[in-house]
Amino acid sequence: MTMTAMLVFASCNDHDESATVNENASLLSITTEINTQQKSLRSGPMTAFADGSTLSLFVCAGTLGTPYPGGPYDNIKASFDGNTALWSMERPVRLTSENASVYALYPYMPSLGNGVNTAQIEHTSQTDYMFGTNAEEQQAVNHNNPRVRLRMNHALTLLQFRLSKHNYDGQGKVTRLAVGNETGRNDLRSAGTLSITNGDIYTLATEISPAAIEDTDGLYTIPDVTPGNNDYLNVMILPVANTSANGSVQFHFTIDGRVYTYNVPANTTWKQSTKYIYEVTLNGTELQIADVIITDWIDGPVSGVEIF
C-alpha cells in the first residue's frame, strides 16, 4: 500500500517581488509516498505522515552538493499539516529550464549542510528513518514540469511478531520485546550513518545496544483466539548482513513477568527496507518460532517461533 501527501510551496504576495521573477520560473511542488505494503497497528514503522512531520529537502543540479540555479536549496525544512494534507517549507524553490534532482530525508535533521555528509541514524529510539529521490519513470523536473513525486524508502529493517498461545494458562501480557546481541557479540549494530543519495548504511562496531519496545502497562495481551493477520508487534533494527552463530542475536519476550529467549539461527540476514514476519507461539512454558516469512516495506520470509 502506498500513502501519498502533497508538498506545496506558496508564492510571495509582494507585487514588486513578483514582477522581478523570471516568467519561465515555476514553484516546485512535491508529492511524497511511503514505500510500504503493510499497515502498522503499533508503534514504530510509518505508513503515512502524521501532522507535524518534517523532511530535509535538497534540490540540486544533478548530484547532491551541486547547487541549482537560484539556490543553493540545501536542507530546506518541509512540514506536514495533517488538517490540510499539505506540506509547507521554509522558502520556495523556483525552477528554471535546467533539470533539477530532488532528494529527501525523514525526519528533518538541521545539521546536514548540503546533504553530501551522511546522516546519523540509530535504532534505539525506533525512529523510522526514510530517504527518497525523484520516483521512477518521471519526466525531467524543471519549470515546464514543476511537480515531482518522491518515493520514501525505509532505511531500517522491520521485524514483525504475531503472537499466539497454546496450552498456556497465564494472562499472556507482553510488556517488553527486545532484539539484541548475545553477551560479547556485535552482529547487531545500533547506530551508523546513512547516505541520502542511495541509502547505503555504514554501521559502527562499537554501537551494539538492543532494539526494544516496552510498556509496563502492557504492549499487548496475547489473545485466546488466533490473532488477526495484521496484528503485529513491530521492532525496527539496523540491517544485519549475517549472524555469525546460533544465538549471536537473540529475541527476548517479557510475558507475564517472565523473560523468554529465542536464539536467532546462524547466517540469518535482515535486509534494508524489508520486513520479516515471525509467527510466535507461547506453548505451555515454551516459546516457539516455527518459520520466518520475508515479505515492502519489501516483503521478506515468515518464520515460526515457539517458546516454552
C-alpha atoms as a PDB file:
ATOM      1  CA  MET A   1       0.000   0.000   0.000  1.00  0.00           C
ATOM      2  CA  THR A   2       1.296   3.444  -0.837  1.00  0.00           C
ATOM      3  CA  MET A   3       0.388   6.547   1.134  1.00  0.00           C
ATOM      4  CA  THR A   4       0.834   9.957  -0.501  1.00  0.00           C
ATOM      5  CA  ALA A   5       0.937  13.576   0.624  1.00  0.00           C
ATOM      6  CA  MET A   6       1.336  16.799  -1.324  1.00  0.00           C
ATOM      7  CA  LEU A   7       4.045  19.369  -0.712  1.00  0.00           C
ATOM      8  CA  VAL A   8       3.084  22.841  -2.000  1.00  0.00           C
ATOM      9  CA  PHE A   9       5.207  25.974  -1.960  1.00  0.00           C
ATOM     10  CA  ALA A  10       3.123  29.158  -1.949  1.00  0.00           C
ATOM     11  CA  SER A  11       4.334  32.124  -3.993  1.00  0.00           C
ATOM     12  CA  CYS A  12       5.068  35.500  -2.411  1.00  0.00           C
ATOM     13  CA  ASN A  13       2.214  38.045  -2.340  1.00  0.00           C
ATOM     14  CA  ASP A  14       4.531  41.030  -2.721  1.00  0.00           C
ATOM     15  CA  HIS A  15       3.721  42.553  -6.156  1.00  0.00           C
ATOM     16  CA  ASP A  16       7.129  44.194  -6.572  1.00  0.00           C
ATOM     17  CA  GLU A  17       8.966  40.943  -5.923  1.00  0.00           C
ATOM     18  CA  SER A  18       6.632  39.021  -8.241  1.00  0.00           C
ATOM     19  CA  ALA A  19       7.359  41.447 -11.042  1.00  0.00           C
ATOM     20  CA  THR A  20      11.093  40.634 -10.864  1.00  0.00           C
ATOM     21  CA  VAL A  21      10.673  36.874 -11.137  1.00  0.00           C
ATOM     22  CA  ASN A  22      11.579  35.275 -14.473  1.00  0.00           C
ATOM     23  CA  GLU A  23       8.319  34.408 -16.187  1.00  0.00           C
ATOM     24  CA  ASN A  24       9.750  30.985 -17.040  1.00  0.00           C
ATOM     25  CA  ALA A  25      10.394  30.148 -13.379  1.00  0.00           C
ATOM     26  CA  SER A  26       7.884  27.874 -11.614  1.00  0.00           C
ATOM     27  CA  LEU A  27       7.482  26.925  -7.986  1.00  0.00           C
ATOM     28  CA  LEU A  28       8.350  23.334  -7.204  1.00  0.00           C
ATOM     29  CA  SER A  29       5.579  21.154  -5.752  1.00  0.00           C
ATOM     30  CA  ILE A  30       6.214  17.704  -4.352  1.00  0.00           C
ATOM     31  CA  THR A  31       4.145  14.596  -3.735  1.00  0.00           C
ATOM     32  CA  THR A  32       5.591  12.143  -1.216  1.00  0.00           C
ATOM     33  CA  GLU A  33       4.757   8.474  -0.931  1.00  0.00           C
ATOM     34  CA  ILE A  34       5.973   5.961   1.621  1.00  0.00           C
ATOM     35  CA  ASN A  35       7.067   2.711   0.038  1.00  0.00           C
ATOM     36  CA  THR A  36       5.138   0.137   2.093  1.00  0.00           C
ATOM     37  CA  GLN A  37       2.519  -2.565   1.669  1.00  0.00           C
ATOM     38  CA  GLN A  38       1.672  -3.235   5.287  1.00  0.00           C
ATOM     39  CA  LYS A  39      -0.390  -1.283   7.793  1.00  0.00           C
ATOM     40  CA  SER A  40       1.213  -0.942  11.203  1.00  0.00           C
ATOM     41  CA  LEU A  41      -1.110  -1.223  14.208  1.00  0.00           C
ATOM     42  CA  ARG A  42       1.552  -0.441  16.785  1.00  0.00           C
ATOM     43  CA  SER A  43       4.434   1.934  17.397  1.00  0.00           C
ATOM     44  CA  GLY A  44       7.340   2.366  15.029  1.00  0.00           C
ATOM     45  CA  PRO A  45       7.026   1.916  11.268  1.00  0.00           C
ATOM     46  CA  MET A  46       5.079   4.565   9.363  1.00  0.00           C
ATOM     47  CA  THR A  47       2.551   4.101   6.585  1.00  0.00           C
ATOM     48  CA  ALA A  48       1.567   7.791   6.372  1.00  0.00           C
ATOM     49  CA  PHE A  49       2.963  11.116   7.527  1.00  0.00           C
ATOM     50  CA  ALA A  50       1.429  12.470  10.726  1.00  0.00           C
ATOM     51  CA  ASP A  51       0.648  16.096  11.499  1.00  0.00           C
ATOM     52  CA  GLY A  52       3.907  17.943  12.214  1.00  0.00           C
ATOM     53  CA  SER A  53       6.151  15.514  10.319  1.00  0.00           C
ATOM     54  CA  THR A  54       9.230  17.177   8.838  1.00  0.00           C
ATOM     55  CA  LEU A  55      11.552  16.443   5.931  1.00  0.00           C
ATOM     56  CA  SER A  56      15.009  17.622   4.918  1.00  0.00           C
ATOM     57  CA  LEU A  57      14.839  18.578   1.218  1.00  0.00           C
ATOM     58  CA  PHE A  58      17.718  19.106  -1.214  1.00  0.00           C
ATOM     59  CA  VAL A  59      17.168  20.461  -4.734  1.00  0.00           C
ATOM     60  CA  CYS A  60      20.285  20.088  -6.871  1.00  0.00           C
ATOM     61  CA  ALA A  61      21.566  20.352 -10.414  1.00  0.00           C
ATOM     62  CA  GLY A  62      22.249  16.614 -10.721  1.00  0.00           C
ATOM     63  CA  THR A  63      24.098  15.207  -7.718  1.00  0.00           C
ATOM     64  CA  LEU A  64      23.952  16.290  -4.092  1.00  0.00           C
ATOM     65  CA  GLY A  65      26.246  19.226  -3.421  1.00  0.00           C
ATOM     66  CA  THR A  66      25.781  20.732  -6.912  1.00  0.00           C
ATOM     67  CA  PRO A  67      23.766  23.941  -6.411  1.00  0.00           C
ATOM     68  CA  TYR A  68      20.655  24.506  -8.510  1.00  0.00           C
ATOM     69  CA  PRO A  69      20.358  27.965 -10.197  1.00  0.00           C
ATOM     70  CA  GLY A  70      18.939  30.486  -7.755  1.00  0.00           C
ATOM     71  CA  GLY A  71      19.994  28.267  -4.854  1.00  0.00           C
ATOM     72  CA  PRO A  72      21.592  26.609  -3.146  1.00  0.00           C
ATOM     73  CA  TYR A  73      18.429  24.900  -1.943  1.00  0.00           C
ATOM     74  CA  ASP A  74      20.107  22.805   0.732  1.00  0.00           C
ATOM     75  CA  ASN A  75      18.410  21.131   3.694  1.00  0.00           C
ATOM     76  CA  ILE A  76      15.150  23.029   3.399  1.00  0.00           C
ATOM     77  CA  LYS A  77      12.755  22.106   6.184  1.00  0.00           C
ATOM     78  CA  ALA A  78       9.326  20.974   4.976  1.00  0.00           C
ATOM     79  CA  SER A  79       6.486  20.432   7.473  1.00  0.00           C
ATOM     80  CA  PHE A  80       3.273  18.458   7.060  1.00  0.00           C
ATOM     81  CA  ASP A  81      -0.121  19.856   8.083  1.00  0.00           C
ATOM     82  CA  GLY A  82      -2.374  16.936   8.904  1.00  0.00           C
ATOM     83  CA  ASN A  83      -5.518  19.093   8.678  1.00  0.00           C
ATOM     84  CA  THR A  84      -4.921  20.255   5.108  1.00  0.00           C
ATOM     85  CA  ALA A  85      -2.835  17.252   3.977  1.00  0.00           C
ATOM     86  CA  LEU A  86      -0.342  19.755   2.542  1.00  0.00           C
ATOM     87  CA  TRP A  87       3.334  20.406   3.142  1.00  0.00           C
ATOM     88  CA  SER A  88       4.870  23.819   3.695  1.00  0.00           C
ATOM     89  CA  MET A  89       8.509  24.775   3.583  1.00  0.00           C
ATOM     90  CA  GLU A  90      10.761  27.494   4.890  1.00  0.00           C
ATOM     91  CA  ARG A  91      11.351  29.037   1.459  1.00  0.00           C
ATOM     92  CA  PRO A  92      10.130  28.383  -2.094  1.00  0.00           C
ATOM     93  CA  VAL A  93      12.195  26.718  -4.785  1.00  0.00           C
ATOM     94  CA  ARG A  94      11.976  28.459  -8.161  1.00  0.00           C
ATOM     95  CA  LEU A  95      12.645  26.193 -11.103  1.00  0.00           C
ATOM     96  CA  THR A  96      14.231  27.268 -14.369  1.00  0.00           C
ATOM     97  CA  SER A  97      14.752  25.443 -17.663  1.00  0.00           C
ATOM     98  CA  GLU A  98      17.578  23.444 -16.055  1.00  0.00           C
ATOM     99  CA  ASN A  99      16.614  19.980 -14.819  1.00  0.00           C
ATOM    100  CA  ALA A 100      16.555  19.509 -11.057  1.00  0.00           C
ATOM    101  CA  SER A 101      17.229  16.494  -8.867  1.00  0.00           C
ATOM    102  CA  VAL A 102      15.362  16.344  -5.562  1.00  0.00           C
ATOM    103  CA  TYR A 103      16.443  14.354  -2.509  1.00  0.00           C
ATOM    104  CA  ALA A 104      14.687  13.994   0.829  1.00  0.00           C
ATOM    105  CA  LEU A 105      15.354  12.582   4.292  1.00  0.00           C
ATOM    106  CA  TYR A 106      12.886  11.860   7.088  1.00  0.00           C
ATOM    107  CA  PRO A 107      12.952  13.187   9.717  1.00  0.00           C
ATOM    108  CA  TYR A 108      14.423  16.677   9.263  1.00  0.00           C
ATOM    109  CA  MET A 109      17.977  16.993  10.560  1.00  0.00           C
ATOM    110  CA  PRO A 110      19.246  20.578  10.938  1.00  0.00           C
ATOM    111  CA  SER A 111      22.977  19.804  10.619  1.00  0.00           C
ATOM    112  CA  LEU A 112      23.097  18.096   7.225  1.00  0.00           C
ATOM    113  CA  GLY A 113      24.522  21.006   5.234  1.00  0.00           C
ATOM    114  CA  ASN A 114      24.311  20.269   1.515  1.00  0.00           C
ATOM    115  CA  GLY A 115      23.498  16.604   2.134  1.00  0.00           C
ATOM    116  CA  VAL A 116      26.844  15.230   0.968  1.00  0.00           C
ATOM    117  CA  ASN A 117      27.770  14.262   4.520  1.00  0.00           C
ATOM    118  CA  THR A 118      25.895  11.189   5.725  1.00  0.00           C
ATOM    119  CA  ALA A 119      23.072  11.346   8.276  1.00  0.00           C
ATOM    120  CA  GLN A 120      23.419   9.845  11.756  1.00  0.00           C
ATOM    121  CA  ILE A 121      20.868   7.103  12.433  1.00  0.00           C
ATOM    122  CA  GLU A 122      20.166   4.569  15.211  1.00  0.00           C
ATOM    123  CA  HIS A 123      17.514   2.060  16.225  1.00  0.00           C
ATOM    124  CA  THR A 124      17.215   2.619  19.982  1.00  0.00           C
ATOM    125  CA  SER A 125      14.626   5.394  19.507  1.00  0.00           C
ATOM    126  CA  GLN A 126      12.643   3.282  16.996  1.00  0.00           C
ATOM    127  CA  THR A 127      12.612   6.173  14.502  1.00  0.00           C
ATOM    128  CA  ASP A 128      11.510   5.115  11.017  1.00  0.00           C
ATOM    129  CA  TYR A 129      14.271   6.844   9.014  1.00  0.00           C
ATOM    130  CA  MET A 130      13.450   7.258   5.322  1.00  0.00           C
ATOM    131  CA  PHE A 131      15.260   8.549   2.241  1.00  0.00           C
ATOM    132  CA  GLY A 132      13.941   9.331  -1.221  1.00  0.00           C
ATOM    133  CA  THR A 133      14.518  10.991  -4.552  1.00  0.00           C
ATOM    134  CA  ASN A 134      12.661  11.505  -7.847  1.00  0.00           C
ATOM    135  CA  ALA A 135      10.491   8.429  -8.317  1.00  0.00           C
ATOM    136  CA  GLU A 136      10.970   6.156 -11.267  1.00  0.00           C
ATOM    137  CA  GLU A 137       9.688   6.909 -14.777  1.00  0.00           C
ATOM    138  CA  GLN A 138       9.149  10.617 -14.207  1.00  0.00           C
ATOM    139  CA  GLN A 139       9.716  13.424 -16.643  1.00  0.00           C
ATOM    140  CA  ALA A 140      12.605  15.766 -16.040  1.00  0.00           C
ATOM    141  CA  VAL A 141      11.807  18.287 -13.274  1.00  0.00           C
ATOM    142  CA  ASN A 142      12.054  21.910 -14.452  1.00  0.00           C
ATOM    143  CA  HIS A 143       9.831  24.958 -14.991  1.00  0.00           C
ATOM    144  CA  ASN A 144       7.771  23.025 -17.553  1.00  0.00           C
ATOM    145  CA  ASN A 145       7.222  20.170 -15.123  1.00  0.00           C
ATOM    146  CA  PRO A 146       7.442  21.621 -11.598  1.00  0.00           C
ATOM    147  CA  ARG A 147       5.751  18.711  -9.848  1.00  0.00           C
ATOM    148  CA  VAL A 148       7.905  15.868  -8.550  1.00  0.00           C
ATOM    149  CA  ARG A 149       6.960  12.639  -6.766  1.00  0.00           C
ATOM    150  CA  LEU A 150       9.302  11.423  -4.046  1.00  0.00           C
ATOM    151  CA  ARG A 151       9.180   7.773  -3.073  1.00  0.00           C
ATOM    152  CA  MET A 152      10.379   7.466   0.508  1.00  0.00           C
ATOM    153  CA  ASN A 153      12.176   4.209   1.288  1.00  0.00           C
ATOM    154  CA  HIS A 154      12.673   2.814   4.778  1.00  0.00           C
ATOM    155  CA  ALA A 155      16.327   2.839   5.837  1.00  0.00           C
ATOM    156  CA  LEU A 156      15.951   0.231   8.587  1.00  0.00           C
ATOM    157  CA  THR A 157      14.688  -3.357   8.722  1.00  0.00           C
ATOM    158  CA  LEU A 158      11.294  -4.243  10.191  1.00  0.00           C
ATOM    159  CA  LEU A 159      10.775  -7.342  12.338  1.00  0.00           C
ATOM    160  CA  GLN A 160       7.104  -8.146  12.915  1.00  0.00           C
ATOM    161  CA  PHE A 161       5.959 -10.569  15.608  1.00  0.00           C
ATOM    162  CA  ARG A 162       2.479 -12.115  15.630  1.00  0.00           C
ATOM    163  CA  LEU A 163       1.964 -13.863  18.962  1.00  0.00           C
ATOM    164  CA  SER A 164      -0.445 -16.650  19.856  1.00  0.00           C
ATOM    165  CA  LYS A 165      -0.656 -19.115  22.734  1.00  0.00           C
ATOM    166  CA  HIS A 166      -1.378 -22.849  23.076  1.00  0.00           C
ATOM    167  CA  ASN A 167      -1.962 -24.700  26.353  1.00  0.00           C
ATOM    168  CA  TYR A 168      -0.895 -21.619  28.289  1.00  0.00           C
ATOM    169  CA  ASP A 169      -2.878 -20.662  31.379  1.00  0.00           C
ATOM    170  CA  GLY A 170      -1.395 -17.228  32.051  1.00  0.00           C
ATOM    171  CA  GLN A 171      -2.787 -13.852  31.033  1.00  0.00           C
ATOM    172  CA  GLY A 172      -0.267 -13.500  28.203  1.00  0.00           C
ATOM    173  CA  LYS A 173       0.541  -9.837  28.809  1.00  0.00           C
ATOM    174  CA  VAL A 174       3.625  -8.770  26.860  1.00  0.00           C
ATOM    175  CA  THR A 175       5.458  -5.840  28.480  1.00  0.00           C
ATOM    176  CA  ARG A 176       8.764  -5.865  26.566  1.00  0.00           C
ATOM    177  CA  LEU A 177      10.148  -7.196  23.301  1.00  0.00           C
ATOM    178  CA  ALA A 178      13.844  -6.767  22.566  1.00  0.00           C
ATOM    179  CA  VAL A 179      16.241  -7.772  19.804  1.00  0.00           C
ATOM    180  CA  GLY A 180      19.853  -7.760  20.938  1.00  0.00           C
ATOM    181  CA  ASN A 181      23.276  -9.371  20.842  1.00  0.00           C
ATOM    182  CA  GLU A 182      24.417 -12.253  22.958  1.00  0.00           C
ATOM    183  CA  THR A 183      26.960 -11.041  25.509  1.00  0.00           C
ATOM    184  CA  GLY A 184      30.303 -10.462  23.783  1.00  0.00           C
ATOM    185  CA  ARG A 185      28.840 -10.317  20.257  1.00  0.00           C
ATOM    186  CA  ASN A 186      28.342  -7.347  17.937  1.00  0.00           C
ATOM    187  CA  ASP A 187      26.432  -8.778  14.968  1.00  0.00           C
ATOM    188  CA  LEU A 188      23.574  -6.328  15.552  1.00  0.00           C
ATOM    189  CA  ARG A 189      24.779  -2.719  15.398  1.00  0.00           C
ATOM    190  CA  SER A 190      22.610   0.021  16.850  1.00  0.00           C
ATOM    191  CA  ALA A 191      23.987   3.158  15.139  1.00  0.00           C
ATOM    192  CA  GLY A 192      25.623   4.256  11.927  1.00  0.00           C
ATOM    193  CA  THR A 193      25.483   6.698   9.044  1.00  0.00           C
ATOM    194  CA  LEU A 194      23.055   6.820   6.121  1.00  0.00           C
ATOM    195  CA  SER A 195      23.694   8.112   2.603  1.00  0.00           C
ATOM    196  CA  ILE A 196      20.808  10.342   1.494  1.00  0.00           C
ATOM    197  CA  THR A 197      21.641   9.595  -2.137  1.00  0.00           C
ATOM    198  CA  ASN A 198      21.273   5.819  -2.187  1.00  0.00           C
ATOM    199  CA  GLY A 199      20.508   4.636   1.346  1.00  0.00           C
ATOM    200  CA  ASP A 200      23.854   2.949   1.968  1.00  0.00           C
ATOM    201  CA  ILE A 201      24.486   2.425   5.697  1.00  0.00           C
ATOM    202  CA  TYR A 202      27.831   2.234   7.447  1.00  0.00           C
ATOM    203  CA  THR A 203      27.367   0.741  10.926  1.00  0.00           C
ATOM    204  CA  LEU A 204      29.580   1.378  13.945  1.00  0.00           C
ATOM    205  CA  ALA A 205      31.045  -1.778  15.509  1.00  0.00           C
ATOM    206  CA  THR A 206      31.148  -0.160  18.960  1.00  0.00           C
ATOM    207  CA  GLU A 207      27.415   0.678  18.992  1.00  0.00           C
ATOM    208  CA  ILE A 208      25.601  -2.544  19.934  1.00  0.00           C
ATOM    209  CA  SER A 209      22.555  -1.530  22.014  1.00  0.00           C
ATOM    210  CA  PRO A 210      19.409  -3.641  21.597  1.00  0.00           C
ATOM    211  CA  ALA A 211      16.311  -2.504  19.743  1.00  0.00           C
ATOM    212  CA  ALA A 212      13.330  -2.736  22.074  1.00  0.00           C
ATOM    213  CA  ILE A 213       9.733  -1.720  22.658  1.00  0.00           C
ATOM    214  CA  GLU A 214       8.409  -1.640  26.214  1.00  0.00           C
ATOM    215  CA  ASP A 215       5.333  -0.674  28.222  1.00  0.00           C
ATOM    216  CA  THR A 216       4.967  -1.710  31.849  1.00  0.00           C
ATOM    217  CA  ASP A 217       1.181  -1.457  31.474  1.00  0.00           C
ATOM    218  CA  GLY A 218       1.351  -3.911  28.609  1.00  0.00           C
ATOM    219  CA  LEU A 219       2.291  -3.663  24.953  1.00  0.00           C
ATOM    220  CA  TYR A 220      -0.148  -6.392  24.017  1.00  0.00           C
ATOM    221  CA  THR A 221      -2.115  -9.238  25.532  1.00  0.00           C
ATOM    222  CA  ILE A 222      -1.906 -12.464  23.544  1.00  0.00           C
ATOM    223  CA  PRO A 223      -5.482 -13.421  22.612  1.00  0.00           C
ATOM    224  CA  ASP A 224      -7.059 -16.798  23.325  1.00  0.00           C
ATOM    225  CA  VAL A 225      -8.098 -16.979  19.677  1.00  0.00           C
ATOM    226  CA  THR A 226      -5.893 -16.793  16.592  1.00  0.00           C
ATOM    227  CA  PRO A 227      -4.674 -13.178  16.189  1.00  0.00           C
ATOM    228  CA  GLY A 228      -5.608 -11.143  13.118  1.00  0.00           C
ATOM    229  CA  ASN A 229      -3.375 -11.140  10.046  1.00  0.00           C
ATOM    230  CA  ASN A 230      -2.178  -7.581  10.697  1.00  0.00           C
ATOM    231  CA  ASP A 231      -1.935  -7.829  14.486  1.00  0.00           C
ATOM    232  CA  TYR A 232       1.803  -7.423  14.990  1.00  0.00           C
ATOM    233  CA  LEU A 233       4.323  -6.104  17.452  1.00  0.00           C
ATOM    234  CA  ASN A 234       6.943  -4.197  15.452  1.00  0.00           C
ATOM    235  CA  VAL A 235      10.642  -3.707  16.135  1.00  0.00           C
ATOM    236  CA  MET A 236      12.925  -1.838  13.715  1.00  0.00           C
ATOM    237  CA  ILE A 237      16.630  -2.648  13.582  1.00  0.00           C
ATOM    238  CA  LEU A 238      19.657  -1.636  11.549  1.00  0.00           C
ATOM    239  CA  PRO A 239      20.156  -4.164   8.736  1.00  0.00           C
ATOM    240  CA  VAL A 240      22.276  -7.232   9.502  1.00  0.00           C
ATOM    241  CA  ALA A 241      24.358  -8.831   6.742  1.00  0.00           C
ATOM    242  CA  ASN A 242      24.775 -12.182   8.506  1.00  0.00           C
ATOM    243  CA  THR A 243      24.531 -13.519  12.041  1.00  0.00           C
ATOM    244  CA  SER A 244      27.779 -15.253  12.968  1.00  0.00           C
ATOM    245  CA  ALA A 245      26.455 -18.092  15.141  1.00  0.00           C
ATOM    246  CA  ASN A 246      23.315 -19.638  16.585  1.00  0.00           C
ATOM    247  CA  GLY A 247      22.169 -17.242  19.305  1.00  0.00           C
ATOM    248  CA  SER A 248      24.648 -14.470  18.494  1.00  0.00           C
ATOM    249  CA  VAL A 249      21.480 -12.372  18.172  1.00  0.00           C
ATOM    250  CA  GLN A 250      18.505 -13.096  20.415  1.00  0.00           C
ATOM    251  CA  PHE A 251      14.839 -12.210  20.779  1.00  0.00           C
ATOM    252  CA  HIS A 252      13.717 -11.517  24.352  1.00  0.00           C
ATOM    253  CA  PHE A 253       9.978 -11.582  25.136  1.00  0.00           C
ATOM    254  CA  THR A 254       8.809 -10.474  28.592  1.00  0.00           C
ATOM    255  CA  ILE A 255       5.428 -12.137  29.129  1.00  0.00           C
ATOM    256  CA  ASP A 256       3.614 -12.148  32.472  1.00  0.00           C
ATOM    257  CA  GLY A 257       6.852 -11.025  34.119  1.00  0.00           C
ATOM    258  CA  ARG A 258       8.949 -13.854  32.719  1.00  0.00           C
ATOM    259  CA  VAL A 259      11.638 -13.424  30.036  1.00  0.00           C
ATOM    260  CA  TYR A 260      11.612 -15.937  27.166  1.00  0.00           C
ATOM    261  CA  THR A 261      14.682 -16.013  24.910  1.00  0.00           C
ATOM    262  CA  TYR A 262      14.873 -17.219  21.325  1.00  0.00           C
ATOM    263  CA  ASN A 263      18.256 -17.788  19.675  1.00  0.00           C
ATOM    264  CA  VAL A 264      18.269 -16.480  16.115  1.00  0.00           C
ATOM    265  CA  PRO A 265      19.861 -19.069  13.781  1.00  0.00           C
ATOM    266  CA  ALA A 266      23.335 -18.558  12.331  1.00  0.00           C
ATOM    267  CA  ASN A 267      23.572 -16.985   8.868  1.00  0.00           C
ATOM    268  CA  THR A 268      20.343 -15.025   9.313  1.00  0.00           C
ATOM    269  CA  THR A 269      20.193 -11.947   7.078  1.00  0.00           C
ATOM    270  CA  TRP A 270      17.943  -8.923   7.628  1.00  0.00           C
ATOM    271  CA  LYS A 271      17.941  -6.564   4.642  1.00  0.00           C
ATOM    272  CA  GLN A 272      17.229  -2.858   4.446  1.00  0.00           C
ATOM    273  CA  SER A 273      13.633  -1.772   3.700  1.00  0.00           C
ATOM    274  CA  THR A 274      12.469  -5.355   4.186  1.00  0.00           C
ATOM    275  CA  LYS A 275      10.031  -6.762   6.730  1.00  0.00           C
ATOM    276  CA  TYR A 276      10.393 -10.202   8.299  1.00  0.00           C
ATOM    277  CA  ILE A 277       7.351 -11.789   9.923  1.00  0.00           C
ATOM    278  CA  TYR A 278       7.761 -14.123  12.890  1.00  0.00           C
ATOM    279  CA  GLU A 279       4.851 -16.305  13.969  1.00  0.00           C
ATOM    280  CA  VAL A 280       5.430 -16.721  17.712  1.00  0.00           C
ATOM    281  CA  THR A 281       3.640 -19.366  19.774  1.00  0.00           C
ATOM    282  CA  LEU A 282       3.689 -19.469  23.576  1.00  0.00           C
ATOM    283  CA  ASN A 283       3.216 -23.172  24.224  1.00  0.00           C
ATOM    284  CA  GLY A 284       2.760 -24.034  27.881  1.00  0.00           C
ATOM    285  CA  THR A 285       6.044 -22.741  29.262  1.00  0.00           C
ATOM    286  CA  GLU A 286       7.948 -22.616  25.958  1.00  0.00           C
ATOM    287  CA  LEU A 287       8.004 -20.046  23.196  1.00  0.00           C
ATOM    288  CA  GLN A 288       8.416 -21.391  19.671  1.00  0.00           C
ATOM    289  CA  ILE A 289       9.142 -19.720  16.345  1.00  0.00           C
ATOM    290  CA  ALA A 290       8.231 -22.173  13.601  1.00  0.00           C
ATOM    291  CA  ASP A 291       9.261 -20.367  10.452  1.00  0.00           C
ATOM    292  CA  VAL A 292      10.112 -16.899   9.047  1.00  0.00           C
ATOM    293  CA  ILE A 293       8.317 -15.152   6.170  1.00  0.00           C
ATOM    294  CA  ILE A 294      10.158 -12.367   4.426  1.00  0.00           C
ATOM    295  CA  THR A 295       7.567 -10.163   2.853  1.00  0.00           C
ATOM    296  CA  ASP A 296       7.826  -3.936   1.087  1.00  0.00           C
ATOM    297  CA  TRP A 297       8.162  -2.455   3.367  1.00  0.00           C
ATOM    298  CA  ILE A 298       9.667  -5.150   0.898  1.00  0.00           C
ATOM    299  CA  ASP A 299       8.214  -8.493   1.879  1.00  0.00           C
ATOM    300  CA  GLY A 300      10.602 -10.941   3.482  1.00  0.00           C
ATOM    301  CA  PRO A 301      10.156 -14.503   4.861  1.00  0.00           C
ATOM    302  CA  VAL A 302       7.772 -15.604   7.602  1.00  0.00           C
ATOM    303  CA  SER A 303       9.239 -17.727  10.384  1.00  0.00           C
ATOM    304  CA  GLY A 304       7.673 -19.682  13.193  1.00  0.00           C
ATOM    305  CA  VAL A 305       8.888 -19.429  16.786  1.00  0.00           C
ATOM    306  CA  GLU A 306       7.691 -21.441  19.785  1.00  0.00           C
ATOM    307  CA  ILE A 307       8.647 -20.531  23.346  1.00  0.00           C
ATOM    308  CA  PHE A 308       8.132 -22.681  26.441  1.00  0.00           C
END
